[in-house]
Amino acid sequence: GMIFAACEDFAIDRPESVLVGDKIADIRAGNAAGLKTVMVRTGH
């Protein structure tokens, strides 16, 4: 939902966009929105 909300506010090309997170939940949100995803070893 937060990703889709941002896409309402900004002109965003979702398939070319990237999400970076430290949790599996982050990656799943990005994947659900059709983004490329990257996980980092910091934090969780």
PDB file of all heavy atoms in Angstrom:
ATOM      1  N   GLY A   1       0.783  -1.237   0.000  1.00  0.00           N
ATOM      2  CA  GLY A   1       0.000   0.000   0.000  1.00  0.00           C
ATOM      3  C   GLY A   1       0.809   1.277   0.000  1.00  0.00           C
ATOM      4  O   GLY A   1       0.463   2.243  -0.695  1.00  0.00           O
ATOM      5  N   MET A   2       1.889   1.328   0.778  1.00  0.00           N
ATOM      6  CA  MET A   2       2.692   2.556   0.823  1.00  0.00           C
ATOM      7  C   MET A   2       3.345   2.832  -0.525  1.00  0.00           C
ATOM      8  O   MET A   2       3.476   3.990  -0.945  1.00  0.00           O
ATOM      9  CB  MET A   2       3.744   2.461   1.929  1.00  0.00           C
ATOM     10  CG  MET A   2       3.178   2.554   3.329  1.00  0.00           C
ATOM     11  SD  MET A   2       4.442   2.619   4.625  1.00  0.00           S
ATOM     12  CE  MET A   2       4.968   0.898   4.712  1.00  0.00           C
ATOM     13  N   ILE A   3       3.767   1.781  -1.201  1.00  0.00           N
ATOM     14  CA  ILE A   3       4.385   1.940  -2.524  1.00  0.00           C
ATOM     15  C   ILE A   3       3.358   2.468  -3.517  1.00  0.00           C
ATOM     16  O   ILE A   3       3.629   3.410  -4.272  1.00  0.00           O
ATOM     17  CB  ILE A   3       4.983   0.607  -3.000  1.00  0.00           C
ATOM     18  CG1 ILE A   3       6.100   0.160  -2.057  1.00  0.00           C
ATOM     19  CG2 ILE A   3       5.501   0.724  -4.432  1.00  0.00           C
ATOM     20  CD1 ILE A   3       6.560  -1.269  -2.260  1.00  0.00           C
ATOM     21  N   PHE A   4       2.155   1.890  -3.496  1.00  0.00           N
ATOM     22  CA  PHE A   4       1.115   2.349  -4.402  1.00  0.00           C
ATOM     23  C   PHE A   4       0.702   3.792  -4.093  1.00  0.00           C
ATOM     24  O   PHE A   4       0.385   4.558  -5.006  1.00  0.00           O
ATOM     25  CB  PHE A   4      -0.097   1.423  -4.328  1.00  0.00           C
ATOM     26  CG  PHE A   4       0.141   0.063  -4.939  1.00  0.00           C
ATOM     27  CD1 PHE A   4      -0.424  -1.071  -4.388  1.00  0.00           C
ATOM     28  CD2 PHE A   4       0.929  -0.078  -6.071  1.00  0.00           C
ATOM     29  CE1 PHE A   4      -0.211  -2.320  -4.946  1.00  0.00           C
ATOM     30  CE2 PHE A   4       1.149  -1.326  -6.638  1.00  0.00           C
ATOM     31  CZ  PHE A   4       0.575  -2.454  -6.079  1.00  0.00           C
ATOM     32  N   ALA A   5       0.720   4.156  -2.820  1.00  0.00           N
ATOM     33  CA  ALA A   5       0.396   5.541  -2.448  1.00  0.00           C
ATOM     34  C   ALA A   5       1.419   6.503  -3.041  1.00  0.00           C
ATOM     35  O   ALA A   5       1.058   7.565  -3.568  1.00  0.00           O
ATOM     36  CB  ALA A   5       0.360   5.673  -0.930  1.00  0.00           C
ATOM     37  N   ALA A   6       2.694   6.145  -2.971  1.00  0.00           N
ATOM     38  CA  ALA A   6       3.737   6.986  -3.552  1.00  0.00           C
ATOM     39  C   ALA A   6       3.559   7.111  -5.057  1.00  0.00           C
ATOM     40  O   ALA A   6       3.801   8.174  -5.647  1.00  0.00           O
ATOM     41  CB  ALA A   6       5.113   6.412  -3.234  1.00  0.00           C
ATOM     42  N   CYS A   7       3.101   6.032  -5.679  1.00  0.00           N
ATOM     43  CA  CYS A   7       2.887   6.064  -7.127  1.00  0.00           C
ATOM     44  C   CYS A   7       1.684   6.918  -7.496  1.00  0.00           C
ATOM     45  O   CYS A   7       1.551   7.334  -8.656  1.00  0.00           O
ATOM     46  CB  CYS A   7       2.735   4.642  -7.665  1.00  0.00           C
ATOM     47  SG  CYS A   7       4.261   3.671  -7.565  1.00  0.00           S
ATOM     48  N   GLU A   8       0.792   7.185  -6.553  1.00  0.00           N
ATOM     49  CA  GLU A   8      -0.286   8.145  -6.780  1.00  0.00           C
ATOM     50  C   GLU A   8       0.236   9.578  -6.695  1.00  0.00           C
ATOM     51  O   GLU A   8      -0.219  10.465  -7.415  1.00  0.00           O
ATOM     52  CB  GLU A   8      -1.404   7.954  -5.751  1.00  0.00           C
ATOM     53  CG  GLU A   8      -2.284   6.740  -5.981  1.00  0.00           C
ATOM     54  CD  GLU A   8      -3.484   6.718  -5.047  1.00  0.00           C
ATOM     55  OE1 GLU A   8      -3.507   7.496  -4.067  1.00  0.00           O
ATOM     56  OE2 GLU A   8      -4.406   5.924  -5.305  1.00  0.00           O
ATOM     57  N   ASP A   9       1.191   9.799  -5.805  1.00  0.00           N
ATOM     58  CA  ASP A   9       1.714  11.151  -5.578  1.00  0.00           C
ATOM     59  C   ASP A   9       2.761  11.560  -6.609  1.00  0.00           C
ATOM     60  O   ASP A   9       2.886  12.740  -6.949  1.00  0.00           O
ATOM     61  CB  ASP A   9       2.339  11.250  -4.184  1.00  0.00           C
ATOM     62  CG  ASP A   9       1.320  11.132  -3.069  1.00  0.00           C
ATOM     63  OD1 ASP A   9       0.114  11.300  -3.337  1.00  0.00           O
ATOM     64  OD2 ASP A   9       1.735  10.860  -1.924  1.00  0.00           O
ATOM     65  N   PHE A  10       3.547  10.592  -7.073  1.00  0.00           N
ATOM     66  CA  PHE A  10       4.649  10.863  -7.992  1.00  0.00           C
ATOM     67  C   PHE A  10       4.458  10.070  -9.285  1.00  0.00           C
ATOM     68  O   PHE A  10       3.768   9.046  -9.294  1.00  0.00           O
ATOM     69  CB  PHE A  10       5.989  10.463  -7.362  1.00  0.00           C
ATOM     70  CG  PHE A  10       6.301  11.158  -6.075  1.00  0.00           C
ATOM     71  CD1 PHE A  10       6.242  10.479  -4.863  1.00  0.00           C
ATOM     72  CD2 PHE A  10       6.662  12.498  -6.050  1.00  0.00           C
ATOM     73  CE1 PHE A  10       6.534  11.116  -3.663  1.00  0.00           C
ATOM     74  CE2 PHE A  10       6.954  13.150  -4.861  1.00  0.00           C
ATOM     75  CZ  PHE A  10       6.891  12.455  -3.655  1.00  0.00           C
ATOM     76  N   ALA A  11       5.091  10.531 -10.353  1.00  0.00           N
ATOM     77  CA  ALA A  11       5.072   9.799 -11.628  1.00  0.00           C
ATOM     78  C   ALA A  11       6.197   8.776 -11.588  1.00  0.00           C
ATOM     79  O   ALA A  11       7.355   9.092 -11.883  1.00  0.00           O
ATOM     80  CB  ALA A  11       5.250  10.761 -12.795  1.00  0.00           C
ATOM     81  N   ILE A  12       5.874   7.555 -11.198  1.00  0.00           N
ATOM     82  CA  ILE A  12       6.882   6.514 -10.968  1.00  0.00           C
ATOM     83  C   ILE A  12       6.695   5.359 -11.941  1.00  0.00           C
ATOM     84  O   ILE A  12       5.581   4.860 -12.134  1.00  0.00           O
ATOM     85  CB  ILE A  12       6.809   6.016  -9.513  1.00  0.00           C
ATOM     86  CG1 ILE A  12       7.281   7.118  -8.559  1.00  0.00           C
ATOM     87  CG2 ILE A  12       7.642   4.749  -9.317  1.00  0.00           C
ATOM     88  CD1 ILE A  12       7.152   6.777  -7.092  1.00  0.00           C
ATOM     89  N   ASP A  13       7.794   4.945 -12.534  1.00  0.00           N
ATOM     90  CA  ASP A  13       7.830   3.768 -13.400  1.00  0.00           C
ATOM     91  C   ASP A  13       8.128   2.564 -12.511  1.00  0.00           C
ATOM     92  O   ASP A  13       9.278   2.260 -12.211  1.00  0.00           O
ATOM     93  CB  ASP A  13       8.929   3.959 -14.454  1.00  0.00           C
ATOM     94  CG  ASP A  13       8.995   2.822 -15.467  1.00  0.00           C
ATOM     95  OD1 ASP A  13       8.357   1.774 -15.222  1.00  0.00           O
ATOM     96  OD2 ASP A  13       9.695   2.974 -16.473  1.00  0.00           O
ATOM     97  N   ARG A  14       7.073   1.889 -12.069  1.00  0.00           N
ATOM     98  CA  ARG A  14       7.258   0.818 -11.083  1.00  0.00           C
ATOM     99  C   ARG A  14       8.165  -0.314 -11.549  1.00  0.00           C
ATOM    100  O   ARG A  14       9.032  -0.750 -10.790  1.00  0.00           O
ATOM    101  CB  ARG A  14       5.905   0.282 -10.614  1.00  0.00           C
ATOM    102  CG  ARG A  14       5.298   1.100  -9.494  1.00  0.00           C
ATOM    103  CD  ARG A  14       4.138   0.372  -8.817  1.00  0.00           C
ATOM    104  NE  ARG A  14       2.982   0.266  -9.673  1.00  0.00           N
ATOM    105  CZ  ARG A  14       2.373  -0.859 -10.006  1.00  0.00           C
ATOM    106  NH1 ARG A  14       2.831  -2.017  -9.571  1.00  0.00           N
ATOM    107  NH2 ARG A  14       1.308  -0.847 -10.777  1.00  0.00           N
ATOM    108  N   PRO A  15       8.007  -0.841 -12.771  1.00  0.00           N
ATOM    109  CA  PRO A  15       8.868  -1.969 -13.160  1.00  0.00           C
ATOM    110  C   PRO A  15      10.362  -1.627 -13.182  1.00  0.00           C
ATOM    111  O   PRO A  15      11.204  -2.527 -13.081  1.00  0.00           O
ATOM    112  CB  PRO A  15       8.361  -2.328 -14.565  1.00  0.00           C
ATOM    113  CG  PRO A  15       6.949  -1.847 -14.592  1.00  0.00           C
ATOM    114  CD  PRO A  15       6.957  -0.581 -13.773  1.00  0.00           C
ATOM    115  N   GLU A  16      10.676  -0.334 -13.310  1.00  0.00           N
ATOM    116  CA  GLU A  16      12.078   0.075 -13.328  1.00  0.00           C
ATOM    117  C   GLU A  16      12.555   0.564 -11.963  1.00  0.00           C
ATOM    118  O   GLU A  16      13.702   0.990 -11.821  1.00  0.00           O
ATOM    119  CB  GLU A  16      12.291   1.178 -14.376  1.00  0.00           C
ATOM    120  CG  GLU A  16      12.057   0.710 -15.809  1.00  0.00           C
ATOM    121  CD  GLU A  16      12.965  -0.451 -16.192  1.00  0.00           C
ATOM    122  OE1 GLU A  16      14.161  -0.397 -15.870  1.00  0.00           O
ATOM    123  OE2 GLU A  16      12.473  -1.428 -16.797  1.00  0.00           O
ATOM    124  N   SER A  17      11.682   0.507 -10.974  1.00  0.00           N
ATOM    125  CA  SER A  17      12.016   0.990  -9.634  1.00  0.00           C
ATOM    126  C   SER A  17      12.563  -0.134  -8.763  1.00  0.00           C
ATOM    127  O   SER A  17      12.407  -1.318  -9.071  1.00  0.00           O
ATOM    128  CB  SER A  17      10.787   1.622  -8.980  1.00  0.00           C
ATOM    129  OG  SER A  17      10.352   2.750  -9.711  1.00  0.00           O
ATOM    130  N   VAL A  18      13.190   0.266  -7.660  1.00  0.00           N
ATOM    131  CA  VAL A  18      13.875  -0.681  -6.772  1.00  0.00           C
ATOM    132  C   VAL A  18      13.462  -0.414  -5.336  1.00  0.00           C
ATOM    133  O   VAL A  18      13.316   0.747  -4.929  1.00  0.00           O
ATOM    134  CB  VAL A  18      15.408  -0.534  -6.886  1.00  0.00           C
ATOM    135  CG1 VAL A  18      16.113  -1.560  -6.010  1.00  0.00           C
ATOM    136  CG2 VAL A  18      15.868  -0.654  -8.326  1.00  0.00           C
ATOM    137  N   LEU A  19      13.293  -1.479  -4.562  1.00  0.00           N
ATOM    138  CA  LEU A  19      13.109  -1.346  -3.118  1.00  0.00           C
ATOM    139  C   LEU A  19      14.281  -1.998  -2.411  1.00  0.00           C
ATOM    140  O   LEU A  19      14.676  -3.116  -2.762  1.00  0.00           O
ATOM    141  CB  LEU A  19      11.803  -1.988  -2.661  1.00  0.00           C
ATOM    142  CG  LEU A  19      11.544  -1.893  -1.145  1.00  0.00           C
ATOM    143  CD1 LEU A  19      10.080  -1.611  -0.849  1.00  0.00           C
ATOM    144  CD2 LEU A  19      11.989  -3.164  -0.417  1.00  0.00           C
ATOM    145  N   VAL A  20      14.823  -1.308  -1.413  1.00  0.00           N
ATOM    146  CA  VAL A  20      15.904  -1.848  -0.594  1.00  0.00           C
ATOM    147  C   VAL A  20      15.406  -1.986   0.835  1.00  0.00           C
ATOM    148  O   VAL A  20      14.917  -1.012   1.431  1.00  0.00           O
ATOM    149  CB  VAL A  20      17.151  -0.942  -0.617  1.00  0.00           C
ATOM    150  CG1 VAL A  20      18.284  -1.577   0.194  1.00  0.00           C
ATOM    151  CG2 VAL A  20      17.605  -0.680  -2.050  1.00  0.00           C
ATOM    152  N   GLY A  21      15.500  -3.192   1.386  1.00  0.00           N
ATOM    153  CA  GLY A  21      15.031  -3.434   2.748  1.00  0.00           C
ATOM    154  C   GLY A  21      15.922  -4.401   3.487  1.00  0.00           C
ATOM    155  O   GLY A  21      16.808  -5.036   2.904  1.00  0.00           O
ATOM    156  N   ASP A  22      15.679  -4.503   4.797  1.00  0.00           N
ATOM    157  CA  ASP A  22      16.473  -5.413   5.633  1.00  0.00           C
ATOM    158  C   ASP A  22      15.645  -6.579   6.151  1.00  0.00           C
ATOM    159  O   ASP A  22      16.151  -7.405   6.911  1.00  0.00           O
ATOM    160  CB  ASP A  22      17.111  -4.662   6.802  1.00  0.00           C
ATOM    161  CG  ASP A  22      16.086  -4.144   7.814  1.00  0.00           C
ATOM    162  OD1 ASP A  22      14.975  -3.736   7.391  1.00  0.00           O
ATOM    163  OD2 ASP A  22      16.390  -4.143   9.025  1.00  0.00           O
ATOM    164  N   LYS A  23      14.368  -6.645   5.737  1.00  0.00           N
ATOM    165  CA  LYS A  23      13.486  -7.722   6.186  1.00  0.00           C
ATOM    166  C   LYS A  23      12.820  -8.399   4.985  1.00  0.00           C
ATOM    167  O   LYS A  23      12.605  -7.761   3.937  1.00  0.00           O
ATOM    168  CB  LYS A  23      12.384  -7.189   7.106  1.00  0.00           C
ATOM    169  CG  LYS A  23      12.848  -6.741   8.482  1.00  0.00           C
ATOM    170  CD  LYS A  23      11.634  -6.317   9.304  1.00  0.00           C
ATOM    171  CE  LYS A  23      11.992  -6.013  10.749  1.00  0.00           C
ATOM    172  NZ  LYS A  23      10.785  -5.649  11.529  1.00  0.00           N
ATOM    173  N   ILE A  24      12.453  -9.657   5.183  1.00  0.00           N
ATOM    174  CA  ILE A  24      11.709 -10.372   4.158  1.00  0.00           C
ATOM    175  C   ILE A  24      10.401  -9.636   3.841  1.00  0.00           C
ATOM    176  O   ILE A  24       9.965  -9.569   2.693  1.00  0.00           O
ATOM    177  CB  ILE A  24      11.405 -11.816   4.601  1.00  0.00           C
ATOM    178  CG1 ILE A  24      12.711 -12.588   4.871  1.00  0.00           C
ATOM    179  CG2 ILE A  24      10.553 -12.539   3.566  1.00  0.00           C
ATOM    180  CD1 ILE A  24      13.599 -12.769   3.678  1.00  0.00           C
ATOM    181  N   ALA A  25       9.767  -9.054   4.861  1.00  0.00           N
ATOM    182  CA  ALA A  25       8.517  -8.312   4.648  1.00  0.00           C
ATOM    183  C   ALA A  25       8.719  -7.160   3.675  1.00  0.00           C
ATOM    184  O   ALA A  25       7.831  -6.860   2.862  1.00  0.00           O
ATOM    185  CB  ALA A  25       7.969  -7.798   5.973  1.00  0.00           C
ATOM    186  N   ASP A  26       9.864  -6.495   3.738  1.00  0.00           N
ATOM    187  CA  ASP A  26      10.167  -5.414   2.797  1.00  0.00           C
ATOM    188  C   ASP A  26      10.220  -5.955   1.374  1.00  0.00           C
ATOM    189  O   ASP A  26       9.635  -5.383   0.442  1.00  0.00           O
ATOM    190  CB  ASP A  26      11.509  -4.764   3.127  1.00  0.00           C
ATOM    191  CG  ASP A  26      11.564  -4.147   4.506  1.00  0.00           C
ATOM    192  OD1 ASP A  26      10.543  -3.594   4.954  1.00  0.00           O
ATOM    193  OD2 ASP A  26      12.641  -4.210   5.133  1.00  0.00           O
ATOM    194  N   ILE A  27      10.955  -7.045   1.217  1.00  0.00           N
ATOM    195  CA  ILE A  27      11.138  -7.631  -0.105  1.00  0.00           C
ATOM    196  C   ILE A  27       9.791  -8.080  -0.685  1.00  0.00           C
ATOM    197  O   ILE A  27       9.506  -7.869  -1.873  1.00  0.00           O
ATOM    198  CB  ILE A  27      12.120  -8.822  -0.032  1.00  0.00           C
ATOM    199  CG1 ILE A  27      13.475  -8.360   0.536  1.00  0.00           C
ATOM    200  CG2 ILE A  27      12.293  -9.472  -1.398  1.00  0.00           C
ATOM    201  CD1 ILE A  27      14.093  -7.168  -0.168  1.00  0.00           C
ATOM    202  N   ARG A  28       8.958  -8.662   0.150  1.00  0.00           N
ATOM    203  CA  ARG A  28       7.648  -9.111  -0.329  1.00  0.00           C
ATOM    204  C   ARG A  28       6.765  -7.937  -0.731  1.00  0.00           C
ATOM    205  O   ARG A  28       5.991  -8.038  -1.694  1.00  0.00           O
ATOM    206  CB  ARG A  28       6.996  -9.994   0.724  1.00  0.00           C
ATOM    207  CG  ARG A  28       7.704 -11.344   0.829  1.00  0.00           C
ATOM    208  CD  ARG A  28       7.143 -12.263   1.871  1.00  0.00           C
ATOM    209  NE  ARG A  28       7.805 -13.565   1.787  1.00  0.00           N
ATOM    210  CZ  ARG A  28       7.736 -14.514   2.706  1.00  0.00           C
ATOM    211  NH1 ARG A  28       7.024 -14.311   3.814  1.00  0.00           N
ATOM    212  NH2 ARG A  28       8.379 -15.656   2.535  1.00  0.00           N
ATOM    213  N   ALA A  29       6.868  -6.822  -0.016  1.00  0.00           N
ATOM    214  CA  ALA A  29       6.112  -5.629  -0.410  1.00  0.00           C
ATOM    215  C   ALA A  29       6.577  -5.135  -1.769  1.00  0.00           C
ATOM    216  O   ALA A  29       5.768  -4.790  -2.638  1.00  0.00           O
ATOM    217  CB  ALA A  29       6.269  -4.538   0.644  1.00  0.00           C
ATOM    218  N   GLY A  30       7.889  -5.081  -1.956  1.00  0.00           N
ATOM    219  CA  GLY A  30       8.431  -4.645  -3.240  1.00  0.00           C
ATOM    220  C   GLY A  30       8.020  -5.570  -4.366  1.00  0.00           C
ATOM    221  O   GLY A  30       7.614  -5.122  -5.446  1.00  0.00           O
ATOM    222  N   ASN A  31       8.118  -6.864  -4.132  1.00  0.00           N
ATOM    223  CA  ASN A  31       7.742  -7.826  -5.157  1.00  0.00           C
ATOM    224  C   ASN A  31       6.254  -7.724  -5.499  1.00  0.00           C
ATOM    225  O   ASN A  31       5.856  -7.817  -6.662  1.00  0.00           O
ATOM    226  CB  ASN A  31       8.076  -9.249  -4.700  1.00  0.00           C
ATOM    227  CG  ASN A  31       9.569  -9.522  -4.683  1.00  0.00           C
ATOM    228  OD1 ASN A  31      10.349  -8.828  -5.338  1.00  0.00           O
ATOM    229  ND2 ASN A  31       9.984 -10.530  -3.929  1.00  0.00           N
ATOM    230  N   ALA A  32       5.424  -7.513  -4.468  1.00  0.00           N
ATOM    231  CA  ALA A  32       3.978  -7.399  -4.693  1.00  0.00           C
ATOM    232  C   ALA A  32       3.632  -6.176  -5.540  1.00  0.00           C
ATOM    233  O   ALA A  32       2.626  -6.172  -6.249  1.00  0.00           O
ATOM    234  CB  ALA A  32       3.246  -7.334  -3.354  1.00  0.00           C
ATOM    235  N   ALA A  33       4.484  -5.142  -5.444  1.00  0.00           N
ATOM    236  CA  ALA A  33       4.254  -3.919  -6.217  1.00  0.00           C
ATOM    237  C   ALA A  33       4.930  -3.969  -7.582  1.00  0.00           C
ATOM    238  O   ALA A  33       4.835  -3.013  -8.362  1.00  0.00           O
ATOM    239  CB  ALA A  33       4.754  -2.706  -5.433  1.00  0.00           C
ATOM    240  N   GLY A  34       5.624  -5.058  -7.872  1.00  0.00           N
ATOM    241  CA  GLY A  34       6.283  -5.193  -9.170  1.00  0.00           C
ATOM    242  C   GLY A  34       7.610  -4.481  -9.276  1.00  0.00           C
ATOM    243  O   GLY A  34       8.047  -4.127 -10.377  1.00  0.00           O
ATOM    244  N   LEU A  35       8.272  -4.272  -8.138  1.00  0.00           N
ATOM    245  CA  LEU A  35       9.575  -3.604  -8.131  1.00  0.00           C
ATOM    246  C   LEU A  35      10.710  -4.621  -8.165  1.00  0.00           C
ATOM    247  O   LEU A  35      10.531  -5.786  -7.821  1.00  0.00           O
ATOM    248  CB  LEU A  35       9.740  -2.747  -6.870  1.00  0.00           C
ATOM    249  CG  LEU A  35       8.621  -1.796  -6.460  1.00  0.00           C
ATOM    250  CD1 LEU A  35       9.055  -1.013  -5.223  1.00  0.00           C
ATOM    251  CD2 LEU A  35       8.259  -0.860  -7.589  1.00  0.00           C
ATOM    252  N   LYS A  36      11.889  -4.156  -8.536  1.00  0.00           N
ATOM    253  CA  LYS A  36      13.105  -4.915  -8.286  1.00  0.00           C
ATOM    254  C   LYS A  36      13.390  -4.795  -6.790  1.00  0.00           C
ATOM    255  O   LYS A  36      13.035  -3.787  -6.167  1.00  0.00           O
ATOM    256  CB  LYS A  36      14.270  -4.345  -9.095  1.00  0.00           C
ATOM    257  CG  LYS A  36      14.013  -4.292 -10.591  1.00  0.00           C
ATOM    258  CD  LYS A  36      15.067  -3.455 -11.296  1.00  0.00           C
ATOM    259  CE  LYS A  36      14.709  -3.241 -12.753  1.00  0.00           C
ATOM    260  NZ  LYS A  36      15.652  -2.353 -13.455  1.00  0.00           N
ATOM    261  N   THR A  37      14.047  -5.796  -6.208  1.00  0.00           N
ATOM    262  CA  THR A  37      14.259  -5.754  -4.758  1.00  0.00           C
ATOM    263  C   THR A  37      15.688  -6.132  -4.395  1.00  0.00           C
ATOM    264  O   THR A  37      16.309  -6.968  -5.048  1.00  0.00           O
ATOM    265  CB  THR A  37      13.291  -6.707  -4.030  1.00  0.00           C
ATOM    266  OG1 THR A  37      13.407  -8.027  -4.580  1.00  0.00           O
ATOM    267  CG2 THR A  37      11.850  -6.239  -4.163  1.00  0.00           C
ATOM    268  N   VAL A  38      16.170  -5.500  -3.330  1.00  0.00           N
ATOM    269  CA  VAL A  38      17.508  -5.751  -2.802  1.00  0.00           C
ATOM    270  C   VAL A  38      17.401  -5.854  -1.286  1.00  0.00           C
ATOM    271  O   VAL A  38      16.718  -5.041  -0.649  1.00  0.00           O
ATOM    272  CB  VAL A  38      18.483  -4.610  -3.160  1.00  0.00           C
ATOM    273  CG1 VAL A  38      19.884  -4.924  -2.636  1.00  0.00           C
ATOM    274  CG2 VAL A  38      18.502  -4.356  -4.660  1.00  0.00           C
ATOM    275  N   MET A  39      18.074  -6.819  -0.719  1.00  0.00           N
ATOM    276  CA  MET A  39      18.097  -6.979   0.739  1.00  0.00           C
ATOM    277  C   MET A  39      19.489  -6.650   1.250  1.00  0.00           C
ATOM    278  O   MET A  39      20.503  -6.985   0.610  1.00  0.00           O
ATOM    279  CB  MET A  39      17.712  -8.396   1.124  1.00  0.00           C
ATOM    280  CG  MET A  39      17.262  -8.560   2.556  1.00  0.00           C
ATOM    281  SD  MET A  39      16.415 -10.141   2.784  1.00  0.00           S
ATOM    282  CE  MET A  39      16.009 -10.011   4.511  1.00  0.00           C
ATOM    283  N   VAL A  40      19.550  -5.967   2.393  1.00  0.00           N
ATOM    284  CA  VAL A  40      20.844  -5.604   2.983  1.00  0.00           C
ATOM    285  C   VAL A  40      21.050  -6.330   4.305  1.00  0.00           C
ATOM    286  O   VAL A  40      20.091  -6.754   4.957  1.00  0.00           O
ATOM    287  CB  VAL A  40      20.955  -4.076   3.193  1.00  0.00           C
ATOM    288  CG1 VAL A  40      21.070  -3.357   1.856  1.00  0.00           C
ATOM    289  CG2 VAL A  40      19.777  -3.535   3.988  1.00  0.00           C
ATOM    290  N   ARG A  41      22.326  -6.449   4.672  1.00  0.00           N
ATOM    291  CA  ARG A  41      22.686  -7.195   5.874  1.00  0.00           C
ATOM    292  C   ARG A  41      22.713  -6.325   7.121  1.00  0.00           C
ATOM    293  O   ARG A  41      23.040  -6.810   8.206  1.00  0.00           O
ATOM    294  CB  ARG A  41      24.046  -7.875   5.682  1.00  0.00           C
ATOM    295  CG  ARG A  41      24.042  -8.929   4.573  1.00  0.00           C
ATOM    296  CD  ARG A  41      25.372  -9.687   4.504  1.00  0.00           C
ATOM    297  NE  ARG A  41      25.331 -10.729   3.495  1.00  0.00           N
ATOM    298  CZ  ARG A  41      25.734 -10.587   2.236  1.00  0.00           C
ATOM    299  NH1 ARG A  41      26.226  -9.407   1.827  1.00  0.00           N
ATOM    300  NH2 ARG A  41      25.650 -11.585   1.385  1.00  0.00           N
ATOM    301  N   THR A  42      22.388  -5.047   7.000  1.00  0.00           N
ATOM    302  CA  THR A  42      22.305  -4.176   8.171  1.00  0.00           C
ATOM    303  C   THR A  42      20.966  -4.390   8.859  1.00  0.00           C
ATOM    304  O   THR A  42      20.050  -5.007   8.306  1.00  0.00           O
ATOM    305  CB  THR A  42      22.462  -2.705   7.743  1.00  0.00           C
ATOM    306  OG1 THR A  42      21.621  -2.456   6.614  1.00  0.00           O
ATOM    307  CG2 THR A  42      23.909  -2.404   7.371  1.00  0.00           C
ATOM    308  N   GLY A  43      20.830  -3.884  10.091  1.00  0.00           N
ATOM    309  CA  GLY A  43      19.569  -4.023  10.815  1.00  0.00           C
ATOM    310  C   GLY A  43      19.176  -5.476  10.982  1.00  0.00           C
ATOM    311  O   GLY A  43      20.002  -6.340  11.301  1.00  0.00           O
ATOM    312  N   HIS A  44      17.906  -5.769  10.747  1.00  0.00           N
ATOM    313  CA  HIS A  44      17.420  -7.145  10.857  1.00  0.00           C
ATOM    314  C   HIS A  44      17.998  -8.044   9.766  1.00  0.00           C
ATOM    315  O   HIS A  44      17.919  -9.268   9.855  1.00  0.00           O
ATOM    316  CB  HIS A  44      15.894  -7.171  10.796  1.00  0.00           C
ATOM    317  CG  HIS A  44      15.230  -6.616  12.016  1.00  0.00           C
ATOM    318  ND1 HIS A  44      15.092  -7.333  13.191  1.00  0.00           N
ATOM    319  CD2 HIS A  44      14.685  -5.397  12.259  1.00  0.00           C
ATOM    320  CE1 HIS A  44      14.476  -6.592  14.097  1.00  0.00           C
ATOM    321  NE2 HIS A  44      14.215  -5.415  13.554  1.00  0.00           N
TER     322      HIS A  44
END
